[in-house]
Amino acid sequence: MTDAAPDPNVLSPVRPAASRTSSSGRRALLRASLGAACATSFIRAAHASGLPDIQAIAANATTNSLPASLIVAGSAETGPGRWAPLLAPALESALPADGPIPLHVSAGQDGVTGANLFDAQNNGEPGAALLVSGSAMVAALAGDSRVHFDYQRWLPVFLALGAPVVVGHVDLHRSLGALLRDHPVRVAVTHPTGVELPTLLALSLLSLHVIPVRGLAAAPDALAALRQRQVDVVQLSARDADANTLAELKKDGFEPIFTLASHMRSGIPDLPSAFLSLRGRLPSDPLYSACLATAMAASIETALVLPMLTPPAQAARWRHAAQLAAQDANVQSETQASAIQLVAGMDSAEPYRKITPDLSAVLALRRWLALHSAEWRHVG
């Protein structure tokens, strides 16, 4: 299932904000009064010390405004849908809120609808936070016509990173550079610009003739097609590529070819290692940069992001809350069970930066898609 055009009416509240009683209102008022009094004392002391811009700093320190809601871009079966019930309670305990953060789930599987809604609601101003998977960023990189958001203007505060694994026939793994050079390689995909795009790109850069076989978004369907020889290659998420599954696939004659990320996957080559092993060098084609960017995006199971214009003090509170949430016992349990790496706070900026290649890579990717779209339209 892919996302439809963004429609505010698709929102369905998962958990409404807790109603505030008169006593909670009095507590909030008391808190605000005490905060204002402390801020006034702080300003007077700062003036005596000659500190600059202390009024703005104190004003930010006493501002308790938070995003009005947390938009969950995807159904319960998606990464954001699975992480929302774990992250929300952990975030609430670390943020200055009087009650639960309202959660709203948008329709669709790849997060495009929710991401569109997030940008439309905020319109450049702080208003909501977003939980979204990297599949929405893959769609944006591919130039999907449904995309009306700019993920480069988002501020990441938390990333749950997986390491998707590409699995195929043993013969395919052993003869990538030789026997199957001129033979079509059928790849199970949601659709050609879906989260499996980095696998299509990587195999194409290895001089293989790739053919996407559509409609295989769920891992059980993709694995069934692989075992029935309807496809030659599948891309499994970190959650689906557990040790038991990979062992069973090996017994059936399938082996990992490469992983889309280097972390958490010892013994399986990542993309650069696979290219060096099979070709002896890394590609100089701009498509390789696009491949690495889409691979990084596909590795993002869930990202918690804010609008770029979020005030610094508020962004700092969210970063701190995200760091505390990453240490929550329930979050840690899910992390270990799903082979996920958590990156929170300021550390999330570096991996997030890797999903934005230079313009030449983006143009090369879209030319490549345009070149092959007519051929793929009648396949799968």
Protein backbone atom coordinates (compact mmCIF):
# COMPACT_ATOMS: atom_id res chain seq x y z
CA MET A 1 0.00 0.00 0.00
CA THR A 2 1.33 3.40 -0.95
CA ASP A 3 0.30 6.76 0.37
CA ALA A 4 -2.46 8.80 -1.18
CA ALA A 5 -2.53 12.57 -1.52
CA PRO A 6 -2.31 14.28 1.85
CA ASP A 7 -5.65 14.85 3.45
CA PRO A 8 -6.09 16.23 6.94
CA ASN A 9 -9.21 14.09 7.27
CA VAL A 10 -7.16 10.87 7.33
CA LEU A 11 -5.83 11.68 10.76
CA SER A 12 -7.14 9.49 13.52
CA PRO A 13 -6.10 10.32 17.04
CA VAL A 14 -4.49 7.39 18.79
CA ARG A 15 -4.58 8.97 22.20
CA PRO A 16 -6.26 12.30 22.93
CA ALA A 17 -4.56 14.79 25.19
CA ALA A 18 -5.45 14.26 28.81
CA SER A 19 -8.11 16.63 30.02
CA ARG A 20 -6.78 19.02 32.62
CA THR A 21 -8.64 19.35 35.87
CA SER A 22 -8.86 22.60 37.73
CA SER A 23 -6.18 21.37 40.14
CA SER A 24 -3.76 20.64 37.27
CA GLY A 25 -4.53 24.08 35.89
CA ARG A 26 -3.69 25.66 39.24
CA ARG A 27 -0.43 23.68 39.34
CA ALA A 28 0.45 24.90 35.85
CA LEU A 29 -0.32 28.50 36.84
CA LEU A 30 1.79 28.17 39.99
CA ARG A 31 4.65 26.71 37.95
CA ALA A 32 4.46 29.58 35.49
CA SER A 33 4.42 32.17 38.28
CA LEU A 34 7.42 30.63 40.00
CA GLY A 35 9.23 30.41 36.68
CA ALA A 36 8.55 34.06 35.95
CA ALA A 37 9.78 35.08 39.41
CA CYS A 38 12.97 33.07 39.00
CA ALA A 39 13.49 34.52 35.53
CA THR A 40 13.13 38.06 36.90
CA SER A 41 15.75 37.42 39.59
CA PHE A 42 18.00 35.83 37.01
CA ILE A 43 17.71 38.84 34.69
CA ARG A 44 18.56 41.29 37.49
CA ALA A 45 21.60 39.25 38.50
CA ALA A 46 22.71 38.95 34.88
CA HIS A 47 22.40 42.71 34.32
CA ALA A 48 24.61 43.26 37.35
CA SER A 49 27.18 40.88 35.85
CA GLY A 50 26.97 42.45 32.39
CA LEU A 51 25.91 39.25 30.57
CA PRO A 52 24.55 39.87 27.01
CA ASP A 53 21.07 38.99 25.69
CA ILE A 54 19.96 37.66 29.05
CA GLN A 55 16.32 38.66 28.47
CA ALA A 56 16.06 36.40 25.43
CA ILE A 57 17.78 33.52 27.20
CA ALA A 58 15.52 33.80 30.24
CA ALA A 59 12.43 34.09 28.06
CA ASN A 60 13.38 30.89 26.24
CA ALA A 61 14.06 29.15 29.54
CA THR A 62 10.55 29.83 30.81
CA THR A 63 8.79 28.95 27.58
CA ASN A 64 7.09 25.58 27.94
CA SER A 65 5.46 25.51 24.50
CA LEU A 66 5.77 22.14 22.80
CA PRO A 67 4.65 20.80 19.43
CA ALA A 68 0.86 20.52 19.46
CA SER A 69 1.02 16.85 18.50
CA LEU A 70 3.20 14.03 17.29
CA ILE A 71 2.35 12.95 13.75
CA VAL A 72 3.01 9.26 13.16
CA ALA A 73 3.63 8.84 9.43
CA GLY A 74 2.52 5.28 8.85
CA SER A 75 0.26 2.51 10.07
CA ALA A 76 0.92 0.21 13.00
CA GLU A 77 2.94 -2.17 10.80
CA THR A 78 5.50 0.50 9.85
CA GLY A 79 8.56 1.61 11.79
CA PRO A 80 6.96 4.84 13.10
CA GLY A 81 3.82 2.92 14.07
CA ARG A 82 5.83 0.40 16.06
CA TRP A 83 8.08 2.96 17.76
CA ALA A 84 5.41 5.54 18.66
CA PRO A 85 3.92 3.60 21.62
CA LEU A 86 7.44 3.12 23.03
CA LEU A 87 8.82 6.61 22.45
CA ALA A 88 5.79 8.68 23.45
CA PRO A 89 5.74 7.71 27.17
CA ALA A 90 9.52 8.07 27.41
CA LEU A 91 9.39 11.52 25.79
CA GLU A 92 6.49 12.67 27.96
CA SER A 93 8.43 11.92 31.14
CA ALA A 94 11.34 14.05 29.92
CA LEU A 95 9.44 17.00 28.43
CA PRO A 96 7.74 19.86 30.34
CA ALA A 97 4.19 18.77 29.54
CA ASP A 98 1.09 18.64 31.73
CA GLY A 99 -0.24 15.52 30.02
CA PRO A 100 0.31 13.00 27.25
CA ILE A 101 1.55 14.24 23.89
CA PRO A 102 -1.35 13.79 21.43
CA LEU A 103 -0.49 11.17 18.78
CA HIS A 104 -2.03 11.21 15.32
CA VAL A 105 -1.56 8.46 12.75
CA SER A 106 -1.65 9.30 9.04
CA ALA A 107 -2.64 6.75 6.41
CA GLY A 108 -0.16 4.97 4.18
CA GLN A 109 2.86 2.72 4.44
CA ASP A 110 5.81 4.77 3.19
CA GLY A 111 5.18 7.91 5.25
CA VAL A 112 4.73 10.35 2.38
CA THR A 113 1.22 11.39 3.44
CA GLY A 114 2.28 12.07 7.02
CA ALA A 115 5.38 13.95 5.89
CA ASN A 116 3.29 16.12 3.56
CA LEU A 117 0.89 16.83 6.42
CA PHE A 118 3.75 17.72 8.75
CA ASP A 119 5.13 20.32 6.35
CA ALA A 120 1.68 21.67 5.53
CA GLN A 121 0.65 22.08 9.18
CA ASN A 122 3.88 23.72 10.26
CA ASN A 123 4.37 25.87 7.16
CA GLY A 124 7.84 26.79 8.35
CA GLU A 125 6.80 27.40 11.95
CA PRO A 126 6.91 25.09 14.97
CA GLY A 127 3.65 23.25 15.48
CA ALA A 128 4.12 19.47 15.51
CA ALA A 129 6.80 16.83 15.66
CA LEU A 130 6.98 13.95 13.20
CA LEU A 131 7.85 10.26 13.39
CA VAL A 132 8.68 9.10 9.86
CA SER A 133 10.57 6.26 8.21
CA GLY A 134 13.35 6.63 5.65
CA SER A 135 11.08 5.33 2.90
CA ALA A 136 9.58 8.84 2.66
CA MET A 137 13.06 10.26 2.06
CA VAL A 138 13.71 7.62 -0.62
CA ALA A 139 10.53 8.74 -2.38
CA ALA A 140 11.70 12.37 -2.18
CA LEU A 141 15.12 11.53 -3.63
CA ALA A 142 13.47 9.63 -6.47
CA GLY A 143 11.28 12.62 -7.34
CA ASP A 144 8.01 10.87 -6.51
CA SER A 145 5.14 13.13 -7.62
CA ARG A 146 3.33 12.60 -4.30
CA VAL A 147 6.10 14.32 -2.35
CA HIS A 148 5.33 17.89 -1.24
CA PHE A 149 7.75 18.11 1.68
CA ASP A 150 11.40 19.02 2.05
CA TYR A 151 13.15 16.69 4.49
CA GLN A 152 16.29 18.83 4.31
CA ARG A 153 14.40 21.47 6.32
CA TRP A 154 13.72 19.07 9.17
CA LEU A 155 15.68 18.96 12.41
CA PRO A 156 16.42 15.36 13.49
CA VAL A 157 16.57 14.61 17.22
CA PHE A 158 16.29 10.79 17.21
CA LEU A 159 17.05 8.06 14.67
CA ALA A 160 16.40 4.32 14.86
CA LEU A 161 18.80 2.85 12.30
CA GLY A 162 18.57 -0.67 10.93
CA ALA A 163 20.82 -2.53 8.53
CA PRO A 164 18.69 -3.96 5.68
CA VAL A 165 20.16 -7.07 4.09
CA VAL A 166 19.99 -8.00 0.39
CA VAL A 167 19.59 -11.76 -0.07
CA GLY A 168 19.62 -13.82 -3.25
CA HIS A 169 20.44 -17.12 -4.89
CA VAL A 170 23.86 -18.57 -4.11
CA ASP A 171 24.69 -18.55 -7.83
CA LEU A 172 23.84 -14.86 -7.99
CA HIS A 173 26.17 -14.10 -5.12
CA ARG A 174 29.06 -16.05 -6.61
CA SER A 175 28.75 -14.81 -10.17
CA LEU A 176 27.64 -11.19 -9.90
CA GLY A 177 30.50 -10.11 -12.15
CA ALA A 178 30.42 -12.99 -14.60
CA LEU A 179 27.68 -15.55 -15.27
CA LEU A 180 24.69 -13.30 -14.75
CA ARG A 181 26.11 -10.12 -16.24
CA ASP A 182 23.74 -10.22 -19.23
CA HIS A 183 20.81 -11.94 -17.55
CA PRO A 184 17.87 -10.16 -15.93
CA VAL A 185 17.90 -10.15 -12.15
CA ARG A 186 14.40 -9.93 -10.71
CA VAL A 187 14.22 -7.88 -7.52
CA ALA A 188 11.22 -7.94 -5.17
CA VAL A 189 10.07 -4.36 -4.58
CA THR A 190 7.13 -2.42 -3.20
CA HIS A 191 7.39 -0.28 -6.33
CA PRO A 192 10.45 0.94 -8.29
CA THR A 193 10.82 4.13 -6.23
CA GLY A 194 10.12 2.38 -2.94
CA VAL A 195 12.48 1.54 -0.12
CA GLU A 196 14.16 -1.14 -2.27
CA LEU A 197 15.53 1.50 -4.66
CA PRO A 198 19.11 1.28 -3.29
CA THR A 199 19.18 -2.45 -4.12
CA LEU A 200 18.11 -1.75 -7.70
CA LEU A 201 20.79 0.92 -7.97
CA ALA A 202 23.55 -1.20 -6.44
CA LEU A 203 22.90 -4.20 -8.68
CA SER A 204 22.68 -1.96 -11.73
CA LEU A 205 26.04 -0.39 -10.83
CA LEU A 206 27.40 -3.95 -10.69
CA SER A 207 26.47 -4.20 -14.41
CA LEU A 208 23.41 -6.36 -13.85
CA HIS A 209 20.15 -6.01 -15.75
CA VAL A 210 17.68 -5.41 -12.92
CA ILE A 211 13.94 -5.94 -13.24
CA PRO A 212 11.74 -4.82 -10.32
CA VAL A 213 8.86 -7.16 -9.47
CA ARG A 214 6.23 -4.97 -7.81
CA GLY A 215 3.79 -5.47 -5.00
CA LEU A 216 6.04 -7.43 -2.63
CA ALA A 217 6.18 -5.00 0.28
CA ALA A 218 5.71 -7.53 3.07
CA ALA A 219 8.68 -9.73 3.95
CA PRO A 220 6.64 -13.00 3.96
CA ASP A 221 5.43 -12.28 0.41
CA ALA A 222 8.92 -11.39 -0.81
CA LEU A 223 10.47 -14.48 0.78
CA ALA A 224 7.75 -16.71 -0.63
CA ALA A 225 8.43 -15.30 -4.09
CA LEU A 226 12.16 -15.92 -3.60
CA ARG A 227 11.66 -19.52 -2.56
CA GLN A 228 9.31 -20.09 -5.49
CA ARG A 229 11.94 -18.64 -7.87
CA GLN A 230 9.61 -15.83 -8.90
CA VAL A 231 12.32 -13.33 -7.94
CA ASP A 232 16.10 -13.61 -7.59
CA VAL A 233 16.79 -10.98 -4.91
CA VAL A 234 14.94 -9.58 -1.90
CA GLN A 235 15.79 -6.71 0.45
CA LEU A 236 14.96 -7.51 4.07
CA SER A 237 14.67 -4.94 6.82
CA ALA A 238 16.82 -5.26 9.93
CA ARG A 239 13.77 -6.56 11.77
CA ASP A 240 13.08 -9.26 9.16
CA ALA A 241 16.72 -10.25 8.57
CA ASP A 242 17.24 -11.85 11.95
CA ALA A 243 19.80 -14.61 12.45
CA ASN A 244 17.21 -17.42 12.33
CA THR A 245 15.70 -16.17 9.07
CA LEU A 246 19.10 -15.84 7.42
CA ALA A 247 20.06 -19.32 8.59
CA GLU A 248 16.88 -20.81 7.15
CA LEU A 249 17.44 -18.99 3.87
CA LYS A 250 20.96 -20.35 3.67
CA LYS A 251 19.61 -23.89 4.05
CA ASP A 252 17.26 -23.17 1.13
CA GLY A 253 20.16 -22.04 -1.06
CA PHE A 254 20.09 -18.27 -0.52
CA GLU A 255 22.84 -16.12 0.94
CA PRO A 256 23.28 -12.47 1.93
CA ILE A 257 24.85 -10.45 -0.89
CA PHE A 258 25.42 -7.18 0.98
CA THR A 259 23.89 -4.96 3.63
CA LEU A 260 22.82 -1.36 3.14
CA ALA A 261 24.55 -0.21 6.34
CA SER A 262 27.77 -1.23 8.05
CA HIS A 263 26.52 -1.31 11.65
CA MET A 264 25.15 -4.37 13.43
CA ARG A 265 25.91 -6.75 10.53
CA SER A 266 29.27 -8.38 11.09
CA GLY A 267 30.15 -10.95 8.46
CA ILE A 268 28.03 -9.36 5.71
CA PRO A 269 29.77 -6.82 3.44
CA ASP A 270 28.33 -3.33 3.23
CA LEU A 271 27.98 -1.61 -0.14
CA PRO A 272 31.53 -0.19 -0.40
CA SER A 273 33.02 -3.55 0.67
CA ALA A 274 30.86 -5.40 -1.86
CA PHE A 275 31.97 -3.14 -4.69
CA LEU A 276 35.62 -3.46 -3.73
CA SER A 277 35.32 -7.25 -3.53
CA LEU A 278 33.44 -7.70 -6.81
CA ARG A 279 34.94 -4.88 -8.87
CA GLY A 280 38.19 -4.01 -7.15
CA ARG A 281 37.26 -0.33 -6.95
CA LEU A 282 34.44 1.99 -5.98
CA PRO A 283 32.26 3.44 -8.77
CA SER A 284 32.97 7.02 -9.82
CA ASP A 285 29.46 7.38 -11.29
CA PRO A 286 27.26 9.99 -9.51
CA LEU A 287 24.72 7.17 -9.26
CA TYR A 288 26.95 5.62 -6.61
CA SER A 289 26.50 8.68 -4.39
CA ALA A 290 22.75 8.41 -4.98
CA CYS A 291 22.94 4.72 -4.11
CA LEU A 292 24.68 5.45 -0.79
CA ALA A 293 22.16 8.20 0.05
CA THR A 294 19.13 6.01 -0.68
CA ALA A 295 20.77 3.16 1.26
CA MET A 296 21.17 5.43 4.28
CA ALA A 297 17.56 6.55 3.96
CA ALA A 298 16.34 2.96 3.66
CA SER A 299 18.23 2.18 6.88
CA ILE A 300 16.17 4.71 8.86
CA GLU A 301 13.42 2.70 10.48
CA THR A 302 12.17 5.74 12.36
CA ALA A 303 13.23 9.38 12.61
CA LEU A 304 11.88 11.91 15.09
CA VAL A 305 12.14 15.33 13.49
CA LEU A 306 11.12 18.91 14.24
CA PRO A 307 10.57 21.91 11.95
CA MET A 308 13.81 23.68 11.07
CA LEU A 309 12.59 26.94 12.66
CA THR A 310 11.98 25.36 16.06
CA PRO A 311 13.33 27.81 18.70
CA PRO A 312 16.78 26.73 19.97
CA ALA A 313 15.65 26.27 23.58
CA GLN A 314 12.75 24.07 22.54
CA ALA A 315 14.96 22.04 20.18
CA ALA A 316 17.44 21.55 23.02
CA ARG A 317 14.68 20.20 25.26
CA TRP A 318 13.63 17.72 22.56
CA ARG A 319 17.22 16.59 22.00
CA HIS A 320 17.64 16.01 25.72
CA ALA A 321 14.31 14.19 25.90
CA ALA A 322 15.31 12.02 22.93
CA GLN A 323 18.56 11.07 24.64
CA LEU A 324 16.67 10.06 27.77
CA ALA A 325 14.09 8.16 25.70
CA ALA A 326 16.89 6.20 24.02
CA GLN A 327 17.92 4.95 27.47
CA ASP A 328 14.40 3.89 28.46
CA ALA A 329 14.19 0.19 29.37
CA ASN A 330 11.36 -0.59 26.93
CA VAL A 331 13.09 1.27 24.11
CA GLN A 332 16.35 -0.56 24.81
CA SER A 333 14.55 -3.91 24.82
CA GLU A 334 13.06 -3.22 21.39
CA THR A 335 16.43 -2.04 20.11
CA GLN A 336 18.15 -5.27 21.07
CA ALA A 337 15.34 -7.46 19.74
CA SER A 338 15.30 -5.75 16.34
CA ALA A 339 19.04 -5.25 15.65
CA ILE A 340 18.53 -1.48 15.72
CA GLN A 341 21.06 1.25 16.51
CA LEU A 342 19.73 4.34 18.25
CA VAL A 343 21.24 7.78 17.63
CA ALA A 344 19.82 10.67 19.65
CA GLY A 345 20.42 14.34 20.29
CA MET A 346 23.11 16.16 18.34
CA ASP A 347 24.59 12.84 17.19
CA SER A 348 21.63 12.29 14.88
CA ALA A 349 22.71 15.15 12.59
CA GLU A 350 25.63 13.29 10.98
CA PRO A 351 23.80 10.17 9.74
CA TYR A 352 20.86 12.35 8.70
CA ARG A 353 23.20 14.47 6.58
CA LYS A 354 24.17 11.38 4.56
CA ILE A 355 20.72 11.12 2.98
CA THR A 356 21.32 14.36 1.09
CA PRO A 357 23.73 13.79 -1.83
CA ASP A 358 24.89 16.58 -4.09
CA LEU A 359 22.72 17.79 -6.97
CA SER A 360 24.59 15.82 -9.63
CA ALA A 361 23.76 12.58 -7.82
CA VAL A 362 20.07 13.46 -7.52
CA LEU A 363 19.88 14.37 -11.21
CA ALA A 364 21.69 11.17 -12.18
CA LEU A 365 19.24 9.13 -10.12
CA ARG A 366 16.21 10.74 -11.70
CA ARG A 367 17.65 10.35 -15.21
CA TRP A 368 18.29 6.69 -14.47
CA LEU A 369 14.72 6.21 -13.26
CA ALA A 370 13.31 8.01 -16.29
CA LEU A 371 15.41 5.85 -18.61
CA HIS A 372 14.16 2.60 -17.10
CA SER A 373 10.58 3.53 -16.19
CA ALA A 374 9.19 2.68 -19.65
CA GLU A 375 10.85 -0.75 -19.55
CA TRP A 376 9.62 -1.44 -16.00
CA ARG A 377 6.09 -0.21 -16.59
CA HIS A 378 5.11 -3.50 -18.19
CA VAL A 379 6.92 -5.75 -15.72
CA GLY A 380 5.74 -7.01 -12.35
